[in-house]
Amino acid sequence: MPAAAEAVVPAAREAAESEAQPGLDSSDGPGAVHSGVPGPGPGVAEIVARAVARAMDEDDTQDLPNVAAPRRGTSVTEVPLHLPFRAASTVPLPERAPAAAPRPARPAPGRRVPRGDDRLREHRGPVLPGWVGVAVGGLALAGCTAVLWRAGILPAPLVAAFGAAPRAYQGLRAAHWPPLAFLGIVALVALGGLGRARTGHAWVLTLFGRYRGTVRRTGLTWVSPLLLRRRVDVRLRHWRSDPMPAVDSGGLALQVVVQVVWQVKDTARATLAVADHTEYLAEQVESAMARVLSQLPADAFHEDAPTLRDAEAVGDALTRMLAAETEAVGIEVFSAQPTRIEYAAEVAEAMRRRRVAAIDAKHRDAVLTSVVDAVDDTVHRLTSRGLVELDDYERKALVKDLTVAFYTGRTD
């Protein structure tokens, strides 16, 4: 017997037992039914057994509910199709484990805004007021002078000028070299670290390639001579570009001039996160301008739609995009405004003719609207006051004549 039939027979017997009701009497035989329907009939188990036998003789792939037609006075229990499959029948349908949801496809990688290094942020560098370096250097030089005076090396006129008694020359001994070397090094470090910090500029300090801080103080300052200083302009600056090529949403070539107002906000990133922050800004301006201008047409000749002539909206979009692109290099963009948007030379003449035609069409439409309103008002006044009585033919003729007269007068 095939495996499908072996699985169907026990299930059919269980279905027959579940269908047994109190109205059935086993002593009357398997087909006796006490429901008032005359005539004996086979039991449910016998019907299912015949169906299974017929299915074995004919074809194992036929549907079980269709192998035997129900007889009159009998009830047939439909055998579920999932019973022949052991893996499916072991788990009831309501408790079946839900299938794992398919993983969503990863979106294609697109353009991403650059992110700056969080470890590279501006902080205050080691700096002292300039008078500290001057005082320490002066004391060190005074100590060196005293040692030389004790050795008798200083000339007598110089010693007499300071009111001291000259000493006989004794030469530099071994006891003189250690203090001279120490005081000389102190003087070099103290005086060599002095610097003049200008307003609107900052120093980025590095030690063997590592960022050590930023000095924004002005005036005379002292910074360790071992630190490398890089001067950065932190003033509010503006940059006006040369005419740059671009295209609008329709693919027409444009020439655009952009003015950018910006300032270095984070000197550490502006100096160390990029090779040249001014060149980086110029390239990002050109890139952002191309993306913004390609979203709108330069002109909408025959409809009221947003265009690139709205300098305020275009400037806001360009400023937001440029600020996001340059934040990673410590640049803060306050304004990026296109000061001139023109068609390229190869399409300028054609666009000029198209603009003139659009202006002429709008003018004619406005004139025609005013003429129609004037004609309608004139005819209404004549007929409403009873000055003339017009039939349809005369009304049409009057409207035609007035329209020609008014339109000719307006256009002249």
Protein backbone atom coordinates (compact mmCIF):
# COMPACT_ATOMS: atom_id res chain seq x y z
CA MET A 1 0.00 0.00 0.00
CA PRO A 2 1.43 3.47 -0.86
CA ALA A 3 2.46 5.80 1.95
CA ALA A 4 -0.34 8.25 1.10
CA ALA A 5 -3.00 5.54 1.57
CA GLU A 6 -1.41 4.41 4.84
CA ALA A 7 -1.71 7.94 6.20
CA VAL A 8 -5.31 8.42 4.96
CA VAL A 9 -6.87 5.25 6.51
CA PRO A 10 -6.16 6.06 10.20
CA ALA A 11 -7.28 9.64 9.62
CA ALA A 12 -10.47 8.43 7.98
CA ARG A 13 -11.22 6.13 10.91
CA GLU A 14 -10.73 8.98 13.38
CA ALA A 15 -13.02 11.19 11.30
CA ALA A 16 -15.68 8.45 11.22
CA GLU A 17 -15.56 8.04 15.01
CA SER A 18 -15.80 11.82 15.52
CA GLU A 19 -18.84 11.98 13.25
CA ALA A 20 -20.73 9.33 15.33
CA GLN A 21 -23.78 10.89 17.04
CA PRO A 22 -26.13 9.65 19.79
CA GLY A 23 -28.88 9.07 17.15
CA LEU A 24 -26.89 6.21 15.63
CA ASP A 25 -27.47 2.66 16.98
CA SER A 26 -24.62 0.22 16.47
CA SER A 27 -26.97 -2.75 16.72
CA ASP A 28 -28.78 -1.67 13.55
CA GLY A 29 -25.69 -1.93 11.44
CA PRO A 30 -23.17 0.53 10.15
CA GLY A 31 -25.59 2.14 7.76
CA ALA A 32 -28.66 2.58 10.01
CA VAL A 33 -29.64 6.22 10.42
CA HIS A 34 -32.40 7.31 12.82
CA SER A 35 -32.90 10.69 11.15
CA GLY A 36 -36.15 9.85 9.38
CA VAL A 37 -34.49 9.22 6.02
CA PRO A 38 -35.61 5.86 4.57
CA GLY A 39 -33.26 3.25 3.16
CA PRO A 40 -30.07 1.77 4.50
CA GLY A 41 -26.73 3.26 3.58
CA PRO A 42 -23.07 2.54 4.13
CA GLY A 43 -21.26 4.04 7.09
CA VAL A 44 -18.70 6.85 6.92
CA ALA A 45 -15.77 4.52 7.48
CA GLU A 46 -16.89 2.27 4.62
CA ILE A 47 -17.29 5.24 2.25
CA VAL A 48 -13.82 6.52 3.01
CA ALA A 49 -12.35 2.99 2.66
CA ARG A 50 -13.94 2.62 -0.77
CA ALA A 51 -12.60 6.02 -1.77
CA VAL A 52 -9.10 5.05 -0.71
CA ALA A 53 -9.28 1.72 -2.56
CA ARG A 54 -10.50 3.41 -5.72
CA ALA A 55 -7.78 6.02 -5.46
CA MET A 56 -5.17 3.24 -5.17
CA ASP A 57 -6.50 1.54 -8.29
CA GLU A 58 -6.77 4.67 -10.41
CA ASP A 59 -4.30 7.41 -9.48
CA ASP A 60 -2.60 8.42 -6.25
CA THR A 61 -2.64 12.06 -7.23
CA GLN A 62 -6.43 12.51 -7.36
CA ASP A 63 -8.13 14.69 -4.72
CA LEU A 64 -9.69 12.57 -1.96
CA PRO A 65 -12.95 14.55 -1.58
CA ASN A 66 -13.79 13.90 -5.28
CA VAL A 67 -13.22 10.11 -5.53
CA ALA A 68 -16.63 9.14 -4.17
CA ALA A 69 -19.84 11.10 -4.52
CA PRO A 70 -21.96 11.37 -1.37
CA ARG A 71 -25.03 9.21 -1.25
CA ARG A 72 -28.42 10.25 -0.12
CA GLY A 73 -29.01 9.95 3.59
CA THR A 74 -25.32 9.92 4.48
CA SER A 75 -22.84 12.52 5.68
CA VAL A 76 -19.30 12.61 4.36
CA THR A 77 -16.40 14.07 6.28
CA GLU A 78 -13.85 15.90 4.15
CA VAL A 79 -10.30 14.74 4.75
CA PRO A 80 -7.86 17.71 4.95
CA LEU A 81 -5.21 17.69 2.27
CA HIS A 82 -2.37 18.31 4.74
CA LEU A 83 -2.94 14.97 6.55
CA PRO A 84 -0.88 12.81 4.12
CA PHE A 85 2.17 15.00 4.87
CA ARG A 86 3.62 14.07 8.25
CA ALA A 87 5.66 17.25 8.66
CA ALA A 88 2.60 19.43 8.12
CA SER A 89 0.19 17.34 10.20
CA THR A 90 2.33 17.35 13.32
CA VAL A 91 1.70 21.09 13.91
CA PRO A 92 -1.92 22.33 14.05
CA LEU A 93 -2.71 25.15 11.68
CA PRO A 94 -3.53 27.78 14.34
CA GLU A 95 -0.26 27.06 16.17
CA ARG A 96 1.93 26.83 13.09
CA ALA A 97 5.12 28.80 13.49
CA PRO A 98 5.04 31.86 11.26
CA ALA A 99 7.45 31.91 8.38
CA ALA A 100 10.48 34.10 8.80
CA ALA A 101 9.93 37.51 7.27
CA PRO A 102 12.15 38.13 4.26
CA ARG A 103 14.99 40.46 4.96
CA PRO A 104 14.55 43.84 3.32
CA ALA A 105 16.96 44.49 0.53
CA ARG A 106 19.70 46.88 1.47
CA PRO A 107 19.36 50.22 -0.28
CA ALA A 108 21.94 51.03 -2.84
CA PRO A 109 24.69 53.20 -1.36
CA GLY A 110 24.14 56.81 -2.38
CA ARG A 111 25.86 60.11 -1.76
CA ARG A 112 26.71 60.60 1.89
CA VAL A 113 27.55 63.80 3.71
CA PRO A 114 31.14 63.66 5.01
CA ARG A 115 31.56 63.37 8.76
CA GLY A 116 34.44 64.88 10.65
CA ASP A 117 36.72 63.08 13.06
CA ASP A 118 35.21 63.40 16.55
CA ARG A 119 38.66 63.16 18.08
CA LEU A 120 39.81 66.20 16.14
CA ARG A 121 38.11 69.18 17.77
CA GLU A 122 39.45 72.60 18.61
CA HIS A 123 40.54 73.21 22.19
CA ARG A 124 42.71 75.75 23.93
CA GLY A 125 46.44 75.30 23.49
CA PRO A 126 49.29 75.89 25.95
CA VAL A 127 50.04 79.62 25.93
CA LEU A 128 51.33 82.21 28.40
CA PRO A 129 51.32 86.00 28.37
CA GLY A 130 54.31 87.50 26.64
CA TRP A 131 55.57 89.34 29.69
CA VAL A 132 56.31 86.00 31.38
CA GLY A 133 58.71 85.03 28.61
CA VAL A 134 60.30 88.48 28.61
CA ALA A 135 60.84 88.40 32.38
CA VAL A 136 62.30 84.89 32.42
CA GLY A 137 64.54 85.63 29.46
CA GLY A 138 65.76 88.85 31.03
CA LEU A 139 66.64 87.14 34.29
CA ALA A 140 68.48 84.40 32.42
CA LEU A 141 70.51 86.94 30.47
CA ALA A 142 71.28 88.82 33.68
CA GLY A 143 72.54 85.58 35.25
CA CYS A 144 74.79 84.91 32.24
CA THR A 145 76.17 88.45 32.50
CA ALA A 146 76.90 87.95 36.19
CA VAL A 147 78.83 84.75 35.51
CA LEU A 148 80.87 86.45 32.80
CA TRP A 149 81.55 89.39 35.11
CA ARG A 150 82.83 87.07 37.81
CA ALA A 151 85.13 85.49 35.23
CA GLY A 152 86.44 88.95 34.31
CA ILE A 153 85.47 88.62 30.66
CA LEU A 154 83.30 91.76 30.43
CA PRO A 155 85.19 94.88 29.36
CA ALA A 156 85.90 97.48 32.02
CA PRO A 157 83.99 100.38 30.34
CA LEU A 158 80.82 98.22 30.17
CA VAL A 159 81.17 97.23 33.82
CA ALA A 160 81.80 100.83 34.84
CA ALA A 161 78.66 101.93 32.93
CA PHE A 162 76.56 99.75 35.18
CA GLY A 163 78.33 101.04 38.32
CA ALA A 164 80.16 97.84 39.14
CA ALA A 165 83.84 97.36 39.92
CA PRO A 166 85.80 95.68 37.14
CA ARG A 167 87.41 92.35 37.90
CA ALA A 168 90.64 90.93 36.67
CA TYR A 169 90.49 88.43 33.84
CA GLN A 170 90.64 84.90 35.21
CA GLY A 171 89.24 82.95 32.24
CA LEU A 172 86.34 80.54 32.08
CA ARG A 173 86.82 77.64 34.41
CA ALA A 174 84.96 74.33 34.64
CA ALA A 175 82.75 75.74 37.37
CA HIS A 176 81.51 78.50 35.02
CA TRP A 177 80.21 76.29 32.16
CA PRO A 178 77.22 74.57 33.84
CA PRO A 179 75.48 77.81 34.92
CA LEU A 180 76.26 79.45 31.61
CA ALA A 181 74.76 76.53 29.65
CA PHE A 182 71.66 76.34 31.83
CA LEU A 183 70.99 80.08 31.80
CA GLY A 184 71.63 80.24 28.04
CA ILE A 185 69.11 77.50 27.33
CA VAL A 186 66.54 79.20 29.56
CA ALA A 187 67.09 82.48 27.75
CA LEU A 188 66.72 80.86 24.33
CA VAL A 189 63.51 79.08 25.30
CA ALA A 190 62.02 82.13 26.97
CA LEU A 191 62.83 84.57 24.19
CA GLY A 192 62.38 82.10 21.33
CA GLY A 193 58.77 81.34 22.31
CA LEU A 194 57.66 84.96 22.09
CA GLY A 195 55.28 85.77 19.27
CA ARG A 196 52.87 88.45 18.09
CA ALA A 197 49.34 87.16 17.64
CA ARG A 198 47.23 89.34 15.37
CA THR A 199 43.52 89.98 15.65
CA GLY A 200 41.46 87.76 13.36
CA HIS A 201 44.07 85.02 13.24
CA ALA A 202 44.76 81.93 15.31
CA TRP A 203 47.64 79.53 15.76
CA VAL A 204 47.16 75.79 15.43
CA LEU A 205 49.82 74.05 17.51
CA THR A 206 51.20 70.59 16.74
CA LEU A 207 53.94 68.57 18.39
CA PHE A 208 55.54 65.93 16.15
CA GLY A 209 52.37 65.85 14.03
CA ARG A 210 49.93 65.63 16.95
CA TYR A 211 47.41 68.38 17.56
CA ARG A 212 48.08 70.17 20.84
CA GLY A 213 45.60 73.05 20.77
CA THR A 214 44.70 76.41 19.27
CA VAL A 215 45.76 79.87 20.40
CA ARG A 216 43.24 82.66 19.73
CA ARG A 217 44.84 85.26 22.01
CA THR A 218 46.12 88.52 20.55
CA GLY A 219 49.15 90.60 21.35
CA LEU A 220 52.47 89.38 22.71
CA THR A 221 52.24 85.72 23.73
CA TRP A 222 54.60 82.94 24.64
CA VAL A 223 54.31 79.47 23.12
CA SER A 224 56.80 76.70 23.53
CA PRO A 225 59.39 76.77 20.70
CA LEU A 226 59.04 73.00 20.37
CA LEU A 227 55.48 73.38 19.04
CA LEU A 228 54.91 73.95 15.35
CA ARG A 229 52.63 76.92 14.66
CA ARG A 230 50.24 77.24 11.73
CA ARG A 231 48.48 80.53 11.25
CA VAL A 232 44.79 80.32 10.31
CA ASP A 233 42.59 83.21 9.26
CA VAL A 234 39.42 83.12 11.41
CA ARG A 235 37.90 86.37 10.17
CA LEU A 236 34.56 86.56 8.41
CA ARG A 237 35.36 86.10 4.75
CA HIS A 238 33.53 86.18 1.44
CA TRP A 239 34.37 84.50 -1.81
CA ARG A 240 33.01 85.38 -5.24
CA SER A 241 33.36 82.70 -7.85
CA ASP A 242 34.09 83.02 -11.52
CA PRO A 243 31.30 82.15 -13.96
CA MET A 244 30.78 78.41 -13.51
CA PRO A 245 28.95 76.10 -15.93
CA ALA A 246 25.73 74.39 -14.83
CA VAL A 247 22.46 73.04 -16.26
CA ASP A 248 18.85 73.47 -15.21
CA SER A 249 16.22 70.73 -14.94
CA GLY A 250 15.60 70.93 -18.69
CA GLY A 251 19.26 70.42 -19.57
CA LEU A 252 19.88 74.00 -20.73
CA ALA A 253 23.43 75.26 -20.24
CA LEU A 254 23.86 78.07 -17.70
CA GLN A 255 26.60 80.35 -16.43
CA VAL A 256 26.36 81.05 -12.69
CA VAL A 257 28.26 83.34 -10.32
CA VAL A 258 27.99 82.56 -6.60
CA GLN A 259 29.02 84.62 -3.59
CA VAL A 260 29.73 82.76 -0.35
CA VAL A 261 30.10 84.28 3.13
CA TRP A 262 31.94 81.91 5.45
CA GLN A 263 34.23 81.64 8.45
CA VAL A 264 36.55 79.08 9.99
CA LYS A 265 34.75 77.73 13.05
CA ASP A 266 37.00 74.81 14.03
CA THR A 267 40.65 75.60 13.31
CA ALA A 268 41.80 72.05 14.08
CA ARG A 269 39.60 70.50 11.41
CA ALA A 270 40.20 73.28 8.91
CA THR A 271 43.95 72.78 9.18
CA LEU A 272 44.39 69.06 9.81
CA ALA A 273 41.24 67.39 8.41
CA VAL A 274 41.78 68.60 4.83
CA ALA A 275 44.77 69.60 2.74
CA ASP A 276 43.44 73.08 1.86
CA HIS A 277 40.11 74.18 3.30
CA THR A 278 39.72 77.13 0.90
CA GLU A 279 40.14 74.89 -2.14
CA TYR A 280 37.78 72.36 -0.59
CA LEU A 281 35.16 75.09 -0.12
CA ALA A 282 35.47 76.22 -3.75
CA GLU A 283 34.97 72.69 -5.05
CA GLN A 284 31.99 72.08 -2.77
CA VAL A 285 30.38 75.31 -3.96
CA GLU A 286 30.56 74.13 -7.55
CA SER A 287 29.20 70.69 -6.64
CA ALA A 288 26.32 72.00 -4.51
CA MET A 289 25.42 74.60 -7.12
CA ALA A 290 25.16 71.94 -9.83
CA ARG A 291 22.82 69.81 -7.65
CA VAL A 292 20.56 72.71 -6.64
CA LEU A 293 20.24 74.28 -10.08
CA SER A 294 19.43 70.96 -11.76
CA GLN A 295 16.17 70.69 -9.76
CA LEU A 296 14.32 73.66 -11.33
CA PRO A 297 14.04 75.23 -14.78
CA ALA A 298 15.68 78.55 -15.43
CA ASP A 299 12.41 80.06 -16.71
CA ALA A 300 8.75 78.99 -16.90
CA PHE A 301 7.55 80.92 -19.93
CA HIS A 302 3.89 79.93 -20.09
CA GLU A 303 3.02 78.91 -16.51
CA ASP A 304 3.41 80.09 -12.96
CA ALA A 305 5.90 77.62 -11.48
CA PRO A 306 8.99 77.91 -9.29
CA THR A 307 12.11 78.74 -11.27
CA LEU A 308 15.73 79.61 -10.66
CA ARG A 309 14.78 83.30 -10.82
CA ASP A 310 13.67 83.01 -7.19
CA ALA A 311 17.06 83.97 -5.82
CA GLU A 312 15.93 83.77 -2.18
CA ALA A 313 14.76 80.14 -2.39
CA VAL A 314 17.75 79.05 -4.47
CA GLY A 315 20.13 80.77 -2.05
CA ASP A 316 18.53 79.10 0.98
CA ALA A 317 18.77 75.64 -0.58
CA LEU A 318 22.37 76.24 -1.64
CA THR A 319 23.32 77.54 1.82
CA ARG A 320 21.84 74.53 3.64
CA MET A 321 23.51 72.03 1.34
CA LEU A 322 26.87 73.78 1.45
CA ALA A 323 26.78 74.12 5.25
CA ALA A 324 26.21 70.38 5.61
CA GLU A 325 29.06 69.57 3.22
CA THR A 326 31.64 71.84 4.88
CA GLU A 327 30.86 71.13 8.53
CA ALA A 328 33.28 68.20 8.53
CA VAL A 329 36.23 70.51 7.81
CA GLY A 330 35.36 73.15 10.42
CA ILE A 331 33.90 75.76 8.04
CA GLU A 332 30.68 77.58 8.86
CA VAL A 333 28.77 78.90 5.84
CA PHE A 334 26.47 81.85 6.54
CA SER A 335 25.27 82.62 3.04
CA ALA A 336 25.68 81.16 -0.44
CA GLN A 337 23.80 83.33 -2.92
CA PRO A 338 23.85 83.18 -6.73
CA THR A 339 24.47 86.72 -7.91
CA ARG A 340 24.02 85.98 -11.61
CA ILE A 341 22.30 83.17 -13.49
CA GLU A 342 22.53 83.47 -17.25
CA TYR A 343 22.15 81.18 -20.21
CA ALA A 344 25.31 80.01 -21.90
CA ALA A 345 26.35 81.78 -25.07
CA GLU A 346 25.24 78.92 -27.34
CA VAL A 347 21.60 79.06 -26.13
CA ALA A 348 21.31 82.67 -24.96
CA GLU A 349 19.88 84.04 -28.24
CA ALA A 350 17.28 81.28 -28.59
CA MET A 351 16.15 81.73 -24.98
CA ARG A 352 15.93 85.50 -25.46
CA ARG A 353 13.57 85.08 -28.41
CA ARG A 354 11.51 82.60 -26.43
CA ARG A 355 11.29 84.97 -23.48
CA VAL A 356 10.21 87.85 -25.74
CA ALA A 357 7.53 85.63 -27.29
CA ALA A 358 6.26 84.61 -23.86
CA ILE A 359 6.09 88.25 -22.72
CA ASP A 360 4.22 89.21 -25.89
CA ALA A 361 1.76 86.34 -25.41
CA LYS A 362 1.05 87.42 -21.82
CA HIS A 363 0.55 90.99 -22.99
CA ARG A 364 -1.88 89.96 -25.69
CA ASP A 365 -3.79 87.76 -23.24
CA ALA A 366 -4.12 90.65 -20.81
CA VAL A 367 -5.26 93.01 -23.58
CA LEU A 368 -7.81 90.52 -24.87
CA THR A 369 -9.22 90.00 -21.38
CA SER A 370 -9.69 93.72 -20.85
CA VAL A 371 -11.30 94.10 -24.30
CA VAL A 372 -13.79 91.30 -23.64
CA ASP A 373 -14.72 92.84 -20.29
CA ALA A 374 -15.21 96.26 -21.90
CA VAL A 375 -17.40 94.85 -24.70
CA ASP A 376 -19.50 92.86 -22.25
CA ASP A 377 -20.01 95.92 -20.04
CA THR A 378 -20.97 98.13 -23.03
CA VAL A 379 -23.52 95.70 -24.46
CA HIS A 380 -25.01 95.08 -21.02
CA ARG A 381 -25.48 98.80 -20.38
CA LEU A 382 -27.08 99.42 -23.77
CA THR A 383 -29.56 96.59 -23.39
CA SER A 384 -30.32 96.97 -19.67
CA ARG A 385 -31.20 100.67 -19.96
CA GLY A 386 -33.46 100.11 -22.93
CA LEU A 387 -31.45 102.24 -25.28
CA VAL A 388 -31.48 99.59 -28.00
CA GLU A 389 -33.29 96.34 -28.62
CA LEU A 390 -31.13 93.68 -30.22
CA ASP A 391 -31.89 90.23 -31.48
CA ASP A 392 -29.28 87.50 -31.58
CA TYR A 393 -27.93 88.47 -34.99
CA GLU A 394 -27.64 92.15 -34.14
CA ARG A 395 -26.07 91.35 -30.75
CA LYS A 396 -23.39 89.20 -32.37
CA ALA A 397 -22.64 91.88 -34.96
CA LEU A 398 -22.38 94.56 -32.28
CA VAL A 399 -20.07 92.44 -30.16
CA LYS A 400 -17.87 91.75 -33.16
CA ASP A 401 -17.59 95.40 -34.14
CA LEU A 402 -16.91 96.58 -30.60
CA THR A 403 -14.26 93.87 -30.08
CA VAL A 404 -12.42 94.87 -33.26
CA ALA A 405 -12.63 98.55 -32.39
CA PHE A 406 -11.50 98.16 -28.80
CA TYR A 407 -8.71 95.68 -29.59
CA THR A 408 -7.34 97.84 -32.40
CA GLY A 409 -7.33 100.86 -30.15
CA ARG A 410 -5.60 99.00 -27.29
CA THR A 411 -2.90 97.50 -29.48
CA ASP A 412 -2.14 100.87 -31.12
